[in-house]
Structures are given as structure tokens and as C-alpha cells.
Amino acid sequence: MVDLPLMASLWRALLSRPVSSWWVTWISSVGGAGSILRDLIESGLPRVVRLTKYFRQAGDSRIVTSAHRINEGLLPELNSSEAASDFYFVKRDHPEPITDTLLNLVKARIPGRFGLDPVLEVQVLTPMNRGSLGVQE
């Protein structure tokens, strides 16, 4: 994730170079704090390439169809009765039940369903750094 001070430092460094050397500069970004990436794209300054083909899941994967819906500004379809689905939404309203559910998913349900090692083959992504559900916890 890129925050505003880091992005500002990056652009200061880039802009301190002669324009003739910019052609060798590539910046890949997939997000960041606030709306840095969106603001940069909407400025029209950089050339933007959008990746639209998914290679990690099958085309009929609910992960893929949910990602497409999100990119279109729609919510993913959250209520599915498909037992073999690869996309699940589990609603919890408070941190404690979320933590309990997450631990159960990582330690038992996901490894049991897919035959994975919970330590080596299951990864948890969180958009927060601090707090009871953040990366540090």
C-alpha cells in the first residue's frame, strides 16, 4: 500500500530526473491509502493499462465473477447455495465474532475443504494495519 507521503516522495524523485529519461520509468500500482491511484488515473497524466483477464481462477469462478461485479460498481452476489463455491461471504458485525470466525476458517474449514496446510497454504488479507483485525494482530 502506498500512502500520500510515500507517493509524494516517489513523484519528487521521478520529476527530479530529466524528462528524456522518463521513458525507462515504469510504476506499477494496485492501490493505496485514500484515493491516490484513482486521482492519478483521473489526472490523465500517466498511461494506464487495465488488466481484465484473470489467470488464477477459472472463468466461471465466483471470485472472478464477483471481481467483475465490483469493478462495475456492483455488489457481489452474496447469497449462494453452491456447496462447491470458491467465494463465500460471512457477515459479522463486531470484531470478536469476526476473529473467532476467521480463526475457524483458517485453521479448520478452509484446510478441511481444500486439503491445505493452514500455515503454509492459507493467506489472510486485511485492509487495516492496526486494530484487533489488522495486519499486526
N, C-alpha and C. Protein backbone atom coordinates (compact mmCIF):
# COMPACT_ATOMS: atom_id res chain seq x y z
N MET A 1 0.85 -1.18 0.00
CA MET A 1 0.00 0.00 0.00
C MET A 1 0.89 1.24 0.00
N VAL A 2 0.46 2.23 -0.71
CA VAL A 2 1.21 3.47 -0.82
C VAL A 2 0.40 4.57 -0.15
N ASP A 3 1.04 5.27 0.79
CA ASP A 3 0.35 6.40 1.41
C ASP A 3 0.79 7.68 0.72
N LEU A 4 0.16 8.78 1.08
CA LEU A 4 0.42 10.06 0.42
C LEU A 4 1.87 10.52 0.53
N PRO A 5 2.51 10.47 1.72
CA PRO A 5 3.91 10.90 1.80
C PRO A 5 4.85 10.06 0.92
N LEU A 6 4.62 8.75 0.88
CA LEU A 6 5.48 7.90 0.05
C LEU A 6 5.27 8.19 -1.43
N MET A 7 4.02 8.38 -1.85
CA MET A 7 3.74 8.71 -3.25
C MET A 7 4.35 10.05 -3.62
N ALA A 8 4.25 11.03 -2.70
CA ALA A 8 4.85 12.34 -2.97
C ALA A 8 6.36 12.21 -3.14
N SER A 9 7.01 11.40 -2.32
CA SER A 9 8.46 11.19 -2.44
C SER A 9 8.81 10.52 -3.76
N LEU A 10 8.01 9.56 -4.16
CA LEU A 10 8.23 8.88 -5.43
C LEU A 10 8.18 9.87 -6.59
N TRP A 11 7.13 10.71 -6.62
CA TRP A 11 6.99 11.66 -7.72
C TRP A 11 8.06 12.74 -7.68
N ARG A 12 8.47 13.16 -6.49
CA ARG A 12 9.57 14.14 -6.40
C ARG A 12 10.84 13.55 -7.01
N ALA A 13 11.13 12.29 -6.69
CA ALA A 13 12.31 11.63 -7.24
C ALA A 13 12.21 11.50 -8.75
N LEU A 14 11.04 11.12 -9.25
CA LEU A 14 10.84 10.97 -10.68
C LEU A 14 10.99 12.31 -11.40
N LEU A 15 10.37 13.34 -10.85
CA LEU A 15 10.38 14.65 -11.51
C LEU A 15 11.74 15.34 -11.43
N SER A 16 12.62 14.86 -10.55
CA SER A 16 13.95 15.46 -10.47
C SER A 16 14.86 14.98 -11.61
N ARG A 17 14.40 13.95 -12.33
CA ARG A 17 15.16 13.42 -13.46
C ARG A 17 14.77 14.17 -14.74
N PRO A 18 15.68 14.25 -15.70
CA PRO A 18 15.32 14.89 -16.98
C PRO A 18 14.18 14.14 -17.66
N VAL A 19 13.29 14.88 -18.31
CA VAL A 19 12.14 14.29 -18.97
C VAL A 19 12.57 13.22 -19.98
N SER A 20 13.71 13.41 -20.61
CA SER A 20 14.17 12.45 -21.62
C SER A 20 14.44 11.07 -21.02
N SER A 21 14.62 10.97 -19.72
CA SER A 21 14.89 9.66 -19.11
C SER A 21 13.63 9.01 -18.55
N TRP A 22 12.48 9.66 -18.66
CA TRP A 22 11.25 9.10 -18.10
C TRP A 22 10.80 7.84 -18.82
N TRP A 23 11.15 7.69 -20.08
CA TRP A 23 10.66 6.56 -20.84
C TRP A 23 11.09 5.23 -20.24
N VAL A 24 12.12 5.22 -19.41
CA VAL A 24 12.56 3.98 -18.79
C VAL A 24 11.91 3.78 -17.42
N THR A 25 11.02 4.65 -17.04
CA THR A 25 10.40 4.57 -15.72
C THR A 25 9.02 3.93 -15.83
N TRP A 26 8.83 2.86 -15.10
CA TRP A 26 7.54 2.18 -15.03
C TRP A 26 7.10 2.17 -13.58
N ILE A 27 5.87 2.51 -13.34
CA ILE A 27 5.33 2.46 -11.99
C ILE A 27 4.12 1.54 -12.03
N SER A 28 4.18 0.48 -11.24
CA SER A 28 3.04 -0.43 -11.14
C SER A 28 2.39 -0.20 -9.79
N SER A 29 1.10 0.03 -9.81
CA SER A 29 0.39 0.25 -8.56
C SER A 29 -0.97 -0.43 -8.64
N VAL A 30 -1.35 -1.06 -7.53
CA VAL A 30 -2.65 -1.70 -7.49
C VAL A 30 -3.52 -1.14 -6.37
N GLY A 31 -3.15 0.01 -5.85
CA GLY A 31 -3.98 0.63 -4.83
C GLY A 31 -3.15 1.40 -3.84
N GLY A 32 -3.78 1.87 -2.82
CA GLY A 32 -3.10 2.63 -1.79
C GLY A 32 -4.09 3.29 -0.87
N ALA A 33 -3.56 3.95 0.12
CA ALA A 33 -4.41 4.62 1.10
C ALA A 33 -5.10 5.82 0.44
N GLY A 34 -6.33 6.05 0.79
CA GLY A 34 -7.06 7.17 0.21
C GLY A 34 -7.37 6.91 -1.24
N SER A 35 -7.26 7.94 -2.06
CA SER A 35 -7.61 7.77 -3.47
C SER A 35 -6.44 8.15 -4.37
N ILE A 36 -5.23 7.85 -3.94
CA ILE A 36 -4.03 8.22 -4.70
C ILE A 36 -4.07 7.64 -6.10
N LEU A 37 -4.32 6.35 -6.21
CA LEU A 37 -4.31 5.71 -7.53
C LEU A 37 -5.42 6.26 -8.41
N ARG A 38 -6.64 6.38 -7.87
CA ARG A 38 -7.75 6.91 -8.66
C ARG A 38 -7.47 8.34 -9.11
N ASP A 39 -6.96 9.18 -8.20
CA ASP A 39 -6.65 10.57 -8.56
C ASP A 39 -5.60 10.63 -9.66
N LEU A 40 -4.60 9.77 -9.56
CA LEU A 40 -3.55 9.76 -10.57
C LEU A 40 -4.11 9.35 -11.93
N ILE A 41 -4.93 8.31 -11.97
CA ILE A 41 -5.54 7.85 -13.22
C ILE A 41 -6.42 8.94 -13.81
N GLU A 42 -7.26 9.56 -12.96
CA GLU A 42 -8.19 10.58 -13.45
C GLU A 42 -7.48 11.85 -13.92
N SER A 43 -6.22 12.05 -13.48
CA SER A 43 -5.48 13.23 -13.93
C SER A 43 -5.15 13.16 -15.41
N GLY A 44 -5.11 11.93 -15.96
CA GLY A 44 -4.80 11.76 -17.37
C GLY A 44 -3.31 11.86 -17.67
N LEU A 45 -2.47 12.05 -16.67
CA LEU A 45 -1.04 12.20 -16.90
C LEU A 45 -0.34 10.89 -17.28
N PRO A 46 -0.54 9.83 -16.52
CA PRO A 46 0.18 8.61 -16.89
C PRO A 46 -0.61 7.78 -17.90
N ARG A 47 0.11 6.96 -18.64
CA ARG A 47 -0.53 5.98 -19.50
C ARG A 47 -1.02 4.87 -18.58
N VAL A 48 -2.24 4.46 -18.73
CA VAL A 48 -2.85 3.48 -17.84
C VAL A 48 -3.20 2.23 -18.63
N VAL A 49 -2.83 1.09 -18.09
CA VAL A 49 -3.19 -0.20 -18.68
C VAL A 49 -4.05 -0.92 -17.66
N ARG A 50 -5.21 -1.36 -18.07
CA ARG A 50 -6.10 -2.10 -17.17
C ARG A 50 -6.04 -3.58 -17.51
N LEU A 51 -5.76 -4.38 -16.50
CA LEU A 51 -5.72 -5.82 -16.68
C LEU A 51 -7.13 -6.35 -16.48
N THR A 52 -7.62 -7.08 -17.47
CA THR A 52 -9.01 -7.54 -17.41
C THR A 52 -9.14 -9.06 -17.48
N LYS A 53 -8.07 -9.76 -17.72
CA LYS A 53 -8.14 -11.22 -17.82
C LYS A 53 -7.56 -11.83 -16.55
N TYR A 54 -8.28 -12.78 -15.99
CA TYR A 54 -7.86 -13.44 -14.75
C TYR A 54 -7.27 -14.79 -15.10
N PHE A 55 -6.11 -15.09 -14.54
CA PHE A 55 -5.44 -16.35 -14.84
C PHE A 55 -5.40 -17.30 -13.64
N ARG A 56 -5.67 -16.81 -12.44
CA ARG A 56 -5.53 -17.64 -11.25
C ARG A 56 -6.76 -18.50 -10.98
N GLN A 57 -7.91 -18.11 -11.50
CA GLN A 57 -9.13 -18.89 -11.29
C GLN A 57 -9.80 -19.14 -12.63
N ALA A 58 -10.65 -20.13 -12.64
CA ALA A 58 -11.40 -20.44 -13.86
C ALA A 58 -12.37 -19.31 -14.17
N GLY A 59 -12.76 -19.17 -15.43
CA GLY A 59 -13.65 -18.10 -15.86
C GLY A 59 -15.00 -18.12 -15.17
N ASP A 60 -15.47 -19.31 -14.74
CA ASP A 60 -16.76 -19.39 -14.06
C ASP A 60 -16.62 -19.31 -12.54
N SER A 61 -15.41 -19.01 -12.07
CA SER A 61 -15.16 -18.87 -10.64
C SER A 61 -15.99 -17.73 -10.06
N ARG A 62 -16.58 -17.92 -8.90
CA ARG A 62 -17.34 -16.85 -8.25
C ARG A 62 -16.40 -15.74 -7.79
N ILE A 63 -15.12 -16.04 -7.58
CA ILE A 63 -14.16 -14.99 -7.26
C ILE A 63 -14.05 -14.05 -8.46
N VAL A 64 -13.93 -14.63 -9.64
CA VAL A 64 -13.81 -13.83 -10.86
C VAL A 64 -15.09 -13.04 -11.13
N THR A 65 -16.24 -13.71 -11.06
CA THR A 65 -17.49 -13.01 -11.34
C THR A 65 -17.74 -11.92 -10.29
N SER A 66 -17.36 -12.15 -9.05
CA SER A 66 -17.51 -11.12 -8.01
C SER A 66 -16.58 -9.95 -8.28
N ALA A 67 -15.36 -10.23 -8.70
CA ALA A 67 -14.41 -9.15 -9.02
C ALA A 67 -14.94 -8.30 -10.18
N HIS A 68 -15.50 -8.95 -11.20
CA HIS A 68 -16.09 -8.20 -12.32
C HIS A 68 -17.23 -7.31 -11.84
N ARG A 69 -18.08 -7.84 -10.97
CA ARG A 69 -19.20 -7.05 -10.45
C ARG A 69 -18.68 -5.84 -9.67
N ILE A 70 -17.68 -6.05 -8.84
CA ILE A 70 -17.11 -4.95 -8.06
C ILE A 70 -16.53 -3.89 -8.98
N ASN A 71 -15.80 -4.32 -10.02
CA ASN A 71 -15.23 -3.37 -10.99
C ASN A 71 -16.31 -2.58 -11.73
N GLU A 72 -17.50 -3.16 -11.84
CA GLU A 72 -18.62 -2.49 -12.50
C GLU A 72 -19.43 -1.64 -11.52
N GLY A 73 -18.97 -1.57 -10.26
CA GLY A 73 -19.67 -0.78 -9.26
C GLY A 73 -20.84 -1.50 -8.62
N LEU A 74 -20.91 -2.81 -8.78
CA LEU A 74 -22.00 -3.61 -8.23
C LEU A 74 -21.48 -4.44 -7.05
N LEU A 75 -22.39 -4.81 -6.17
CA LEU A 75 -22.03 -5.71 -5.08
C LEU A 75 -21.95 -7.13 -5.61
N PRO A 76 -21.06 -7.95 -5.06
CA PRO A 76 -21.05 -9.36 -5.47
C PRO A 76 -22.34 -10.03 -5.01
N GLU A 77 -22.70 -11.11 -5.67
CA GLU A 77 -23.85 -11.88 -5.23
C GLU A 77 -23.43 -12.64 -3.98
N LEU A 78 -24.02 -12.27 -2.84
CA LEU A 78 -23.56 -12.78 -1.56
C LEU A 78 -24.28 -14.04 -1.10
N ASN A 79 -25.46 -14.27 -1.60
CA ASN A 79 -26.23 -15.44 -1.16
C ASN A 79 -26.16 -16.54 -2.20
N SER A 80 -25.29 -17.49 -1.96
CA SER A 80 -25.18 -18.61 -2.89
C SER A 80 -25.35 -19.91 -2.12
N SER A 81 -26.08 -20.81 -2.70
CA SER A 81 -26.28 -22.11 -2.07
C SER A 81 -25.34 -23.16 -2.66
N GLU A 82 -24.39 -22.71 -3.49
CA GLU A 82 -23.47 -23.64 -4.13
C GLU A 82 -22.46 -24.17 -3.10
N ALA A 83 -22.53 -25.45 -2.81
CA ALA A 83 -21.62 -26.04 -1.82
C ALA A 83 -20.17 -26.02 -2.31
N ALA A 84 -19.97 -26.11 -3.61
CA ALA A 84 -18.61 -26.16 -4.16
C ALA A 84 -18.10 -24.79 -4.58
N SER A 85 -18.70 -23.73 -4.11
CA SER A 85 -18.30 -22.39 -4.50
C SER A 85 -16.89 -22.06 -4.00
N ASP A 86 -16.24 -21.13 -4.69
CA ASP A 86 -14.92 -20.66 -4.25
C ASP A 86 -15.00 -19.25 -3.67
N PHE A 87 -16.21 -18.75 -3.46
CA PHE A 87 -16.42 -17.40 -2.91
C PHE A 87 -17.52 -17.47 -1.87
N TYR A 88 -17.20 -17.04 -0.67
CA TYR A 88 -18.18 -17.06 0.42
C TYR A 88 -18.18 -15.71 1.11
N PHE A 89 -19.32 -15.29 1.57
CA PHE A 89 -19.44 -14.06 2.34
C PHE A 89 -20.02 -14.44 3.70
N VAL A 90 -19.28 -14.12 4.75
CA VAL A 90 -19.72 -14.44 6.11
C VAL A 90 -19.87 -13.12 6.85
N LYS A 91 -21.11 -12.77 7.19
CA LYS A 91 -21.37 -11.49 7.83
C LYS A 91 -21.18 -11.58 9.35
N ARG A 92 -20.40 -10.64 9.88
CA ARG A 92 -20.23 -10.48 11.31
C ARG A 92 -20.21 -8.98 11.57
N ASP A 93 -20.79 -8.55 12.70
CA ASP A 93 -20.93 -7.12 12.98
C ASP A 93 -19.93 -6.57 13.99
N HIS A 94 -19.25 -7.44 14.72
CA HIS A 94 -18.34 -6.97 15.77
C HIS A 94 -17.01 -7.71 15.68
N PRO A 95 -15.92 -7.09 16.12
CA PRO A 95 -14.59 -7.69 15.97
C PRO A 95 -14.42 -9.07 16.61
N GLU A 96 -14.97 -9.29 17.79
CA GLU A 96 -14.75 -10.58 18.46
C GLU A 96 -15.30 -11.75 17.65
N PRO A 97 -16.57 -11.70 17.19
CA PRO A 97 -17.05 -12.81 16.36
C PRO A 97 -16.28 -12.94 15.04
N ILE A 98 -15.80 -11.82 14.52
CA ILE A 98 -15.02 -11.88 13.27
C ILE A 98 -13.73 -12.65 13.52
N THR A 99 -13.06 -12.34 14.63
CA THR A 99 -11.82 -13.03 14.96
C THR A 99 -12.06 -14.52 15.13
N ASP A 100 -13.09 -14.88 15.88
CA ASP A 100 -13.41 -16.30 16.10
C ASP A 100 -13.71 -17.01 14.78
N THR A 101 -14.51 -16.38 13.93
CA THR A 101 -14.86 -16.97 12.63
C THR A 101 -13.62 -17.10 11.75
N LEU A 102 -12.79 -16.06 11.72
CA LEU A 102 -11.58 -16.09 10.90
C LEU A 102 -10.65 -17.21 11.34
N LEU A 103 -10.45 -17.35 12.63
CA LEU A 103 -9.59 -18.43 13.13
C LEU A 103 -10.15 -19.80 12.75
N ASN A 104 -11.46 -19.97 12.87
CA ASN A 104 -12.09 -21.23 12.48
C ASN A 104 -11.92 -21.50 10.99
N LEU A 105 -12.11 -20.46 10.18
CA LEU A 105 -11.95 -20.63 8.73
C LEU A 105 -10.53 -21.03 8.36
N VAL A 106 -9.54 -20.34 8.95
CA VAL A 106 -8.14 -20.57 8.59
C VAL A 106 -7.61 -21.89 9.15
N LYS A 107 -8.02 -22.23 10.36
CA LYS A 107 -7.48 -23.43 11.00
C LYS A 107 -8.22 -24.71 10.63
N ALA A 108 -9.52 -24.60 10.33
CA ALA A 108 -10.29 -25.83 10.13
C ALA A 108 -11.04 -25.91 8.80
N ARG A 109 -11.93 -24.95 8.56
CA ARG A 109 -12.83 -25.08 7.41
C ARG A 109 -12.11 -25.05 6.07
N ILE A 110 -11.27 -24.06 5.84
CA ILE A 110 -10.56 -23.96 4.54
C ILE A 110 -9.60 -25.13 4.35
N PRO A 111 -8.73 -25.42 5.33
CA PRO A 111 -7.84 -26.58 5.15
C PRO A 111 -8.61 -27.89 4.96
N GLY A 112 -9.71 -28.07 5.70
CA GLY A 112 -10.50 -29.30 5.56
C GLY A 112 -11.18 -29.41 4.21
N ARG A 113 -11.69 -28.30 3.71
CA ARG A 113 -12.43 -28.29 2.43
C ARG A 113 -11.51 -28.47 1.23
N PHE A 114 -10.34 -27.82 1.29
CA PHE A 114 -9.45 -27.83 0.12
C PHE A 114 -8.17 -28.65 0.32
N GLY A 115 -8.01 -29.27 1.48
CA GLY A 115 -6.82 -30.09 1.74
C GLY A 115 -5.55 -29.26 1.81
N LEU A 116 -5.62 -28.10 2.45
CA LEU A 116 -4.48 -27.19 2.52
C LEU A 116 -3.83 -27.20 3.90
N ASP A 117 -2.55 -26.87 3.93
CA ASP A 117 -1.85 -26.66 5.19
C ASP A 117 -2.19 -25.25 5.67
N PRO A 118 -2.78 -25.09 6.86
CA PRO A 118 -3.22 -23.77 7.29
C PRO A 118 -2.09 -22.76 7.48
N VAL A 119 -0.89 -23.23 7.74
CA VAL A 119 0.24 -22.32 7.96
C VAL A 119 0.92 -21.96 6.64
N LEU A 120 1.09 -22.93 5.77
CA LEU A 120 1.85 -22.72 4.54
C LEU A 120 1.00 -22.34 3.33
N GLU A 121 -0.30 -22.66 3.34
CA GLU A 121 -1.08 -22.50 2.13
C GLU A 121 -2.34 -21.65 2.26
N VAL A 122 -2.56 -21.04 3.41
CA VAL A 122 -3.72 -20.17 3.59
C VAL A 122 -3.21 -18.78 3.93
N GLN A 123 -3.71 -17.79 3.22
CA GLN A 123 -3.28 -16.41 3.43
C GLN A 123 -4.48 -15.55 3.76
N VAL A 124 -4.32 -14.67 4.74
CA VAL A 124 -5.39 -13.76 5.14
C VAL A 124 -4.97 -12.35 4.74
N LEU A 125 -5.83 -11.66 4.00
CA LEU A 125 -5.57 -10.29 3.60
C LEU A 125 -6.49 -9.37 4.40
N THR A 126 -5.95 -8.27 4.87
CA THR A 126 -6.76 -7.31 5.61
C THR A 126 -6.41 -5.91 5.13
N PRO A 127 -7.40 -5.02 5.05
CA PRO A 127 -7.13 -3.66 4.58
C PRO A 127 -6.60 -2.75 5.68
N MET A 128 -6.50 -3.28 6.91
CA MET A 128 -6.07 -2.43 8.02
C MET A 128 -4.71 -2.87 8.53
N ASN A 129 -3.97 -1.95 9.11
CA ASN A 129 -2.68 -2.27 9.69
C ASN A 129 -2.82 -2.50 11.20
N ARG A 130 -3.54 -1.59 11.85
CA ARG A 130 -3.70 -1.67 13.30
C ARG A 130 -5.11 -2.11 13.65
N GLY A 131 -5.33 -2.31 14.94
CA GLY A 131 -6.65 -2.71 15.41
C GLY A 131 -6.76 -4.20 15.61
N SER A 132 -7.85 -4.64 16.20
CA SER A 132 -8.00 -6.05 16.53
C SER A 132 -8.11 -6.96 15.30
N LEU A 133 -8.39 -6.37 14.13
CA LEU A 133 -8.48 -7.17 12.90
C LEU A 133 -7.41 -6.77 11.89
N GLY A 134 -6.40 -6.03 12.32
CA GLY A 134 -5.37 -5.55 11.43
C GLY A 134 -4.22 -6.53 11.23
N VAL A 135 -3.33 -6.17 10.35
CA VAL A 135 -2.18 -6.99 9.99
C VAL A 135 -1.35 -7.36 11.22
N GLN A 136 -1.16 -6.40 12.13
CA GLN A 136 -0.31 -6.66 13.30
C GLN A 136 -0.88 -7.72 14.22
N GLU A 137 -2.19 -7.88 14.23
CA GLU A 137 -2.80 -8.92 15.05
C GLU A 137 -2.74 -10.26 14.34
